C-alpha atoms as a PDB file:
ATOM      1  CA  PHE A   1      28.445 -10.458  24.360  1.00  0.00           C
ATOM      2  CA  VAL A   2      24.920 -10.378  26.058  1.00  0.00           C
ATOM      3  CA  ALA A   3      25.220  -8.886  30.192  1.00  0.00           C
ATOM      4  CA  VAL A   4      22.906 -11.223  32.511  1.00  0.00           C
ATOM      5  CA  ARG A   5      21.746 -10.593  35.402  1.00  0.00           C
ATOM      6  CA  ARG A   6      19.964 -12.777  38.192  1.00  0.00           C
ATOM      7  CA  HIS A   7      18.157 -11.680  41.145  1.00  0.00           C
ATOM      8  CA  LEU A   8      17.335 -14.674  43.697  1.00  0.00           C
ATOM      9  CA  VAL A   9      14.820 -13.941  46.830  1.00  0.00           C
ATOM     10  CA  VAL A  10      16.057 -16.579  49.642  1.00  0.00           C
ATOM     11  CA  GLU A  11      13.816 -17.361  52.661  1.00  0.00           C
ATOM     12  CA  THR A  12      15.152 -18.372  55.745  1.00  0.00           C
ATOM     13  CA  ALA A  13      14.566 -19.162  59.307  1.00  0.00           C
ATOM     14  CA  GLU A  14      15.708 -15.734  61.259  1.00  0.00           C
ATOM     15  CA  SER A  15      17.867 -18.175  63.246  1.00  0.00           C
ATOM     16  CA  ASP A  16      19.754 -19.321  60.210  1.00  0.00           C
ATOM     17  CA  LEU A  17      19.775 -16.202  58.263  1.00  0.00           C
ATOM     18  CA  GLU A  18      23.262 -14.860  59.273  1.00  0.00           C
ATOM     19  CA  LYS A  19      24.673 -18.200  58.754  1.00  0.00           C
ATOM     20  CA  ALA A  20      22.989 -18.417  55.627  1.00  0.00           C
ATOM     21  CA  TRP A  21      24.379 -14.919  54.386  1.00  0.00           C
ATOM     22  CA  GLU A  22      27.793 -15.338  55.696  1.00  0.00           C
ATOM     23  CA  SER A  23      28.044 -18.862  53.831  1.00  0.00           C
ATOM     24  CA  ILE A  24      26.958 -17.502  50.594  1.00  0.00           C
ATOM     25  CA  GLY A  25      29.588 -15.133  50.685  1.00  0.00           C
ATOM     26  CA  ALA A  26      32.172 -17.783  51.629  1.00  0.00           C
ATOM     27  CA  PHE A  27      31.142 -20.181  48.993  1.00  0.00           C
ATOM     28  CA  CYS A  28      31.755 -17.137  46.480  1.00  0.00           C
ATOM     29  CA  GLY A  29      35.360 -17.528  47.106  1.00  0.00           C
ATOM     30  CA  THR A  30      35.548 -21.011  46.570  1.00  0.00           C
ATOM     31  CA  ILE A  31      34.506 -20.915  42.734  1.00  0.00           C
ATOM     32  CA  HIS A  32      35.033 -18.466  40.031  1.00  0.00           C
ATOM     33  CA  CYS A  33      33.075 -15.422  42.021  1.00  0.00           C
ATOM     34  CA  GLU A  34      33.422 -12.384  43.271  1.00  0.00           C
ATOM     35  CA  VAL A  35      31.804 -10.357  45.929  1.00  0.00           C
ATOM     36  CA  LEU A  36      30.766  -7.223  45.505  1.00  0.00           C
ATOM     37  CA  SER A  37      28.601  -5.880  48.089  1.00  0.00           C
ATOM     38  CA  SER A  38      26.983  -7.477  51.186  1.00  0.00           C
ATOM     39  CA  THR A  39      24.571  -6.416  53.744  1.00  0.00           C
ATOM     40  CA  ILE A  40      23.109  -7.465  57.053  1.00  0.00           C
ATOM     41  CA  PHE A  41      20.118  -6.314  58.726  1.00  0.00           C
ATOM     42  CA  LYS A  42      19.683  -7.542  62.286  1.00  0.00           C
ATOM     43  CA  ARG A  43      16.655  -7.095  64.758  1.00  0.00           C
ATOM     44  CA  ALA A  44      18.604  -4.757  67.001  1.00  0.00           C
ATOM     45  CA  SER A  45      18.867  -1.960  63.557  1.00  0.00           C
ATOM     46  CA  GLY A  46      14.964  -1.636  64.335  1.00  0.00           C
ATOM     47  CA  ALA A  47      14.607  -3.357  60.688  1.00  0.00           C
ATOM     48  CA  VAL A  48      13.192  -6.423  59.551  1.00  0.00           C
ATOM     49  CA  PRO A  49      16.339  -8.675  59.733  1.00  0.00           C
ATOM     50  CA  SER A  50      17.406  -9.368  55.969  1.00  0.00           C
ATOM     51  CA  GLY A  51      20.864  -9.462  54.080  1.00  0.00           C
ATOM     52  CA  ASN A  52      21.772  -9.411  50.725  1.00  0.00           C
ATOM     53  CA  ILE A  53      24.969 -10.033  48.758  1.00  0.00           C
ATOM     54  CA  SER A  54      25.998  -9.026  45.255  1.00  0.00           C
ATOM     55  CA  MET A  55      28.232 -11.070  42.930  1.00  0.00           C
ATOM     56  CA  ARG A  56      29.510 -11.995  39.684  1.00  0.00           C
ATOM     57  CA  VAL A  57      30.281 -15.704  38.555  1.00  0.00           C
ATOM     58  CA  ALA A  58      31.106 -17.420  36.117  1.00  0.00           C
ATOM     59  CA  PRO A  59      28.851 -19.384  33.861  1.00  0.00           C
ATOM     60  CA  ALA A  60      30.265 -22.423  34.556  1.00  0.00           C
ATOM     61  CA  ASP A  61      29.560 -22.042  38.555  1.00  0.00           C
ATOM     62  CA  LEU A  62      26.255 -20.926  38.449  1.00  0.00           C
ATOM     63  CA  GLY A  63      24.623 -24.276  39.338  1.00  0.00           C
ATOM     64  CA  ARG A  64      26.974 -24.670  42.245  1.00  0.00           C
ATOM     65  CA  LEU A  65      26.000 -21.535  43.652  1.00  0.00           C
ATOM     66  CA  LEU A  66      22.452 -22.093  43.256  1.00  0.00           C
ATOM     67  CA  ASP A  67      22.661 -25.132  44.883  1.00  0.00           C
ATOM     68  CA  GLN A  68      24.514 -23.855  47.707  1.00  0.00           C
ATOM     69  CA  LEU A  69      21.726 -20.984  47.755  1.00  0.00           C
ATOM     70  CA  GLY A  70      19.286 -24.143  47.941  1.00  0.00           C
ATOM     71  CA  LYS A  71      20.900 -25.443  51.068  1.00  0.00           C
ATOM     72  CA  THR A  72      20.730 -22.057  52.863  1.00  0.00           C
ATOM     73  CA  GLY A  73      17.041 -21.492  52.540  1.00  0.00           C
ATOM     74  CA  VAL A  74      14.220 -21.996  49.698  1.00  0.00           C
ATOM     75  CA  ILE A  75      14.426 -19.331  46.646  1.00  0.00           C
ATOM     76  CA  ILE A  76      10.878 -18.233  46.389  1.00  0.00           C
ATOM     77  CA  GLN A  77      11.533 -16.202  43.580  1.00  0.00           C
ATOM     78  CA  GLN A  78      14.055 -15.958  40.773  1.00  0.00           C
ATOM     79  CA  THR A  79      14.400 -13.241  38.255  1.00  0.00           C
ATOM     80  CA  ILE A  80      16.406 -12.966  34.809  1.00  0.00           C
ATOM     81  CA  ALA A  81      17.131 -10.101  32.637  1.00  0.00           C
ATOM     82  CA  SER A  82      19.548 -10.060  29.863  1.00  0.00           C
ATOM     83  CA  GLU A  83      21.120  -7.132  27.894  1.00  0.00           C
ATOM     84  CA  ASP A  84      22.783  -7.325  24.291  1.00  0.00           C
ATOM     85  CA  GLU A  85      25.888  -5.603  24.855  1.00  0.00           C
ATOM     86  CA  THR A  86      27.310  -6.602  21.062  1.00  0.00           C
ATOM     87  CA  ALA A  87      27.292  -2.938  19.858  1.00  0.00           C
ATOM     88  CA  ALA A  88      29.214  -1.623  22.457  1.00  0.00           C
ATOM     89  CA  VAL A  89      31.832  -4.441  22.397  1.00  0.00           C
ATOM     90  CA  ILE A  90      32.123  -3.838  18.608  1.00  0.00           C
ATOM     91  CA  ASP A  91      32.227   0.017  19.120  1.00  0.00           C
ATOM     92  CA  VAL A  92      35.131  -0.269  21.982  1.00  0.00           C
ATOM     93  CA  GLU A  93      37.069  -2.947  20.375  1.00  0.00           C
ATOM     94  CA  ALA A  94      36.969  -0.319  16.844  1.00  0.00           C
ATOM     95  CA  ARG A  95      38.189   2.330  18.729  1.00  0.00           C
ATOM     96  CA  ILE A  96      40.914   0.394  20.547  1.00  0.00           C
ATOM     97  CA  LYS A  97      42.076  -0.508  17.454  1.00  0.00           C
ATOM     98  CA  ASN A  98      42.244   2.858  15.383  1.00  0.00           C
ATOM     99  CA  LEU A  99      43.813   4.408  18.397  1.00  0.00           C
ATOM    100  CA  THR A 100      46.773   1.616  18.837  1.00  0.00           C
ATOM    101  CA  GLU A 101      47.089   2.483  15.070  1.00  0.00           C
ATOM    102  CA  PHE A 102      47.259   6.078  15.414  1.00  0.00           C
ATOM    103  CA  ARG A 103      49.317   5.645  18.629  1.00  0.00           C
ATOM    104  CA  ASP A 104      51.893   3.487  16.551  1.00  0.00           C
ATOM    105  CA  GLY A 105      51.989   5.978  13.691  1.00  0.00           C
ATOM    106  CA  LEU A 106      52.839   8.650  16.210  1.00  0.00           C
ATOM    107  CA  ARG A 107      55.813   6.749  18.033  1.00  0.00           C
ATOM    108  CA  ALA A 108      57.230   6.101  14.376  1.00  0.00           C
ATOM    109  CA  LEU A 109      57.182   9.932  13.474  1.00  0.00           C
ATOM    110  CA  SER A 110      58.875  10.580  17.137  1.00  0.00           C
ATOM    111  CA  GLY A 111      61.478   8.298  16.163  1.00  0.00           C
ATOM    112  CA  ARG A 112      62.281  10.176  12.829  1.00  0.00           C
ATOM    113  CA  SER A 113      65.931  11.816  13.620  1.00  0.00           C
ATOM    114  CA  SER A 114      65.186  14.797  11.118  1.00  0.00           C
ATOM    115  CA  ALA A 115      62.169  16.028  12.972  1.00  0.00           C
ATOM    116  CA  LYS A 116      62.204  19.701  14.404  1.00  0.00           C
ATOM    117  CA  LEU A 117      62.241  19.919  18.395  1.00  0.00           C
ATOM    118  CA  THR A 118      59.174  21.929  18.049  1.00  0.00           C
ATOM    119  CA  ASP A 119      57.394  18.873  16.142  1.00  0.00           C
ATOM    120  CA  LEU A 120      58.876  16.211  18.293  1.00  0.00           C
ATOM    121  CA  ILE A 121      56.990  18.377  21.338  1.00  0.00           C
ATOM    122  CA  ALA A 122      53.619  18.521  19.284  1.00  0.00           C
ATOM    123  CA  VAL A 123      53.834  14.573  18.464  1.00  0.00           C
ATOM    124  CA  GLN A 124      54.538  13.881  22.253  1.00  0.00           C
ATOM    125  CA  GLU A 125      51.835  15.753  23.492  1.00  0.00           C
ATOM    126  CA  GLN A 126      49.591  13.863  20.690  1.00  0.00           C
ATOM    127  CA  LEU A 127      50.819  10.702  21.786  1.00  0.00           C
ATOM    128  CA  THR A 128      50.387  11.431  25.407  1.00  0.00           C
ATOM    129  CA  ASN A 129      46.549  12.438  24.314  1.00  0.00           C
ATOM    130  CA  VAL A 130      46.145   8.999  22.327  1.00  0.00           C
ATOM    131  CA  GLN A 131      47.442   6.974  25.320  1.00  0.00           C
ATOM    132  CA  SER A 132      45.203   8.455  27.415  1.00  0.00           C
ATOM    133  CA  LYS A 133      42.454   7.924  25.154  1.00  0.00           C
ATOM    134  CA  LEU A 134      43.629   4.169  24.821  1.00  0.00           C
ATOM    135  CA  ASP A 135      43.814   3.353  28.331  1.00  0.00           C
ATOM    136  CA  ALA A 136      40.043   4.736  29.092  1.00  0.00           C
ATOM    137  CA  GLU A 137      38.930   2.618  25.852  1.00  0.00           C
ATOM    138  CA  ALA A 138      40.800  -0.461  27.402  1.00  0.00           C
ATOM    139  CA  THR A 139      39.094   0.279  30.727  1.00  0.00           C
ATOM    140  CA  LYS A 140      35.734   0.597  29.265  1.00  0.00           C
ATOM    141  CA  ARG A 141      36.040  -3.043  27.600  1.00  0.00           C
ATOM    142  CA  LYS A 142      37.476  -4.610  30.953  1.00  0.00           C
ATOM    143  CA  VAL A 143      34.147  -3.420  32.292  1.00  0.00           C
ATOM    144  CA  LEU A 144      31.867  -4.909  29.505  1.00  0.00           C
ATOM    145  CA  ALA A 145      34.265  -7.942  29.565  1.00  0.00           C
ATOM    146  CA  ASP A 146      33.105  -8.359  33.423  1.00  0.00           C
ATOM    147  CA  GLU A 147      29.231  -7.612  32.544  1.00  0.00           C
ATOM    148  CA  THR A 148      29.455 -10.249  29.470  1.00  0.00           C
ATOM    149  CA  GLU A 149      31.465 -13.007  30.724  1.00  0.00           C
ATOM    150  CA  LYS A 150      30.092 -13.122  34.019  1.00  0.00           C
ATOM    151  CA  ILE A 151      26.588 -13.502  35.555  1.00  0.00           C
ATOM    152  CA  ALA A 152      25.682 -10.531  37.872  1.00  0.00           C
ATOM    153  CA  ILE A 153      23.752 -12.259  40.958  1.00  0.00           C
ATOM    154  CA  GLU A 154      21.877 -10.174  43.614  1.00  0.00           C
ATOM    155  CA  VAL A 155      20.604 -12.402  46.154  1.00  0.00           C
ATOM    156  CA  GLN A 156      18.081 -11.384  49.195  1.00  0.00           C
ATOM    157  CA  PHE A 157      17.318 -12.918  52.511  1.00  0.00           C
ATOM    158  CA  PHE A 158      13.949 -12.686  53.830  1.00  0.00           C
ATOM    159  CA  LEU A 159      12.827 -14.172  56.923  1.00  0.00           C
ATOM    160  CA  LYS A 160      10.473 -17.128  56.445  1.00  0.00           C
ATOM    161  CA  GLY A 161       6.743 -16.104  57.206  1.00  0.00           C
ATOM    162  CA  SER A 162       7.737 -11.953  56.849  1.00  0.00           C
ATOM    163  CA  ALA A 163       6.125 -12.037  53.171  1.00  0.00           C
ATOM    164  CA  SER A 164       9.512 -11.454  51.064  1.00  0.00           C
ATOM    165  CA  GLY A 165      10.618  -9.262  54.455  1.00  0.00           C
ATOM    166  CA  HIS A 166       7.511  -6.496  54.459  1.00  0.00           C
ATOM    167  CA  THR A 167       5.494  -6.172  57.359  1.00  0.00           C
ATOM    168  CA  GLY A 168       2.723  -3.141  57.771  1.00  0.00           C
ATOM    169  CA  LEU A 169       3.565  -0.421  55.820  1.00  0.00           C
ATOM    170  CA  GLY A 170       6.313  -2.284  54.365  1.00  0.00           C
ATOM    171  CA  LYS A 171       4.325  -4.184  51.891  1.00  0.00           C
ATOM    172  CA  VAL A 172       2.357  -0.865  51.086  1.00  0.00           C
ATOM    173  CA  TRP A 173       5.873   0.693  50.551  1.00  0.00           C
ATOM    174  CA  ALA A 174       7.151  -2.731  48.573  1.00  0.00           C
ATOM    175  CA  ALA A 175       3.933  -2.461  46.158  1.00  0.00           C
END
């Protein structure tokens, strides 16, 4: 269970920047991919024009996405980082298993006809508590699945010749 993150810097002409940014967002919708965030800065905003897109893509579609990125400009930088999430996944799955068994035991207790009303109320309160914890752990597992079953991609679009989008004091700030 390894979470992989890739950061790519794509250099494009100013006249193609917005089209490149839009085309990658649209292309993502045609493969097993989801856009998490997307921003573009135009010259009118006072900043050097640039854009970025954050997305998650299925490993099988990574090559297609990289090919599409290559059509929008030149990929001038790629960074790949991985983080082993195996321990976290195993821990969450164990908690889910234990909570599920506990919940099932509580359900069996609540079904006894010989139980007192106060005992049944206490079991129901505990059952509600356990179900809430179980739901929280299931959500954690889903987040871990998203992180380990898809590749997180961050794409930054910069203008050709803009030294990765930084000019003047921007180069100092970036350094």
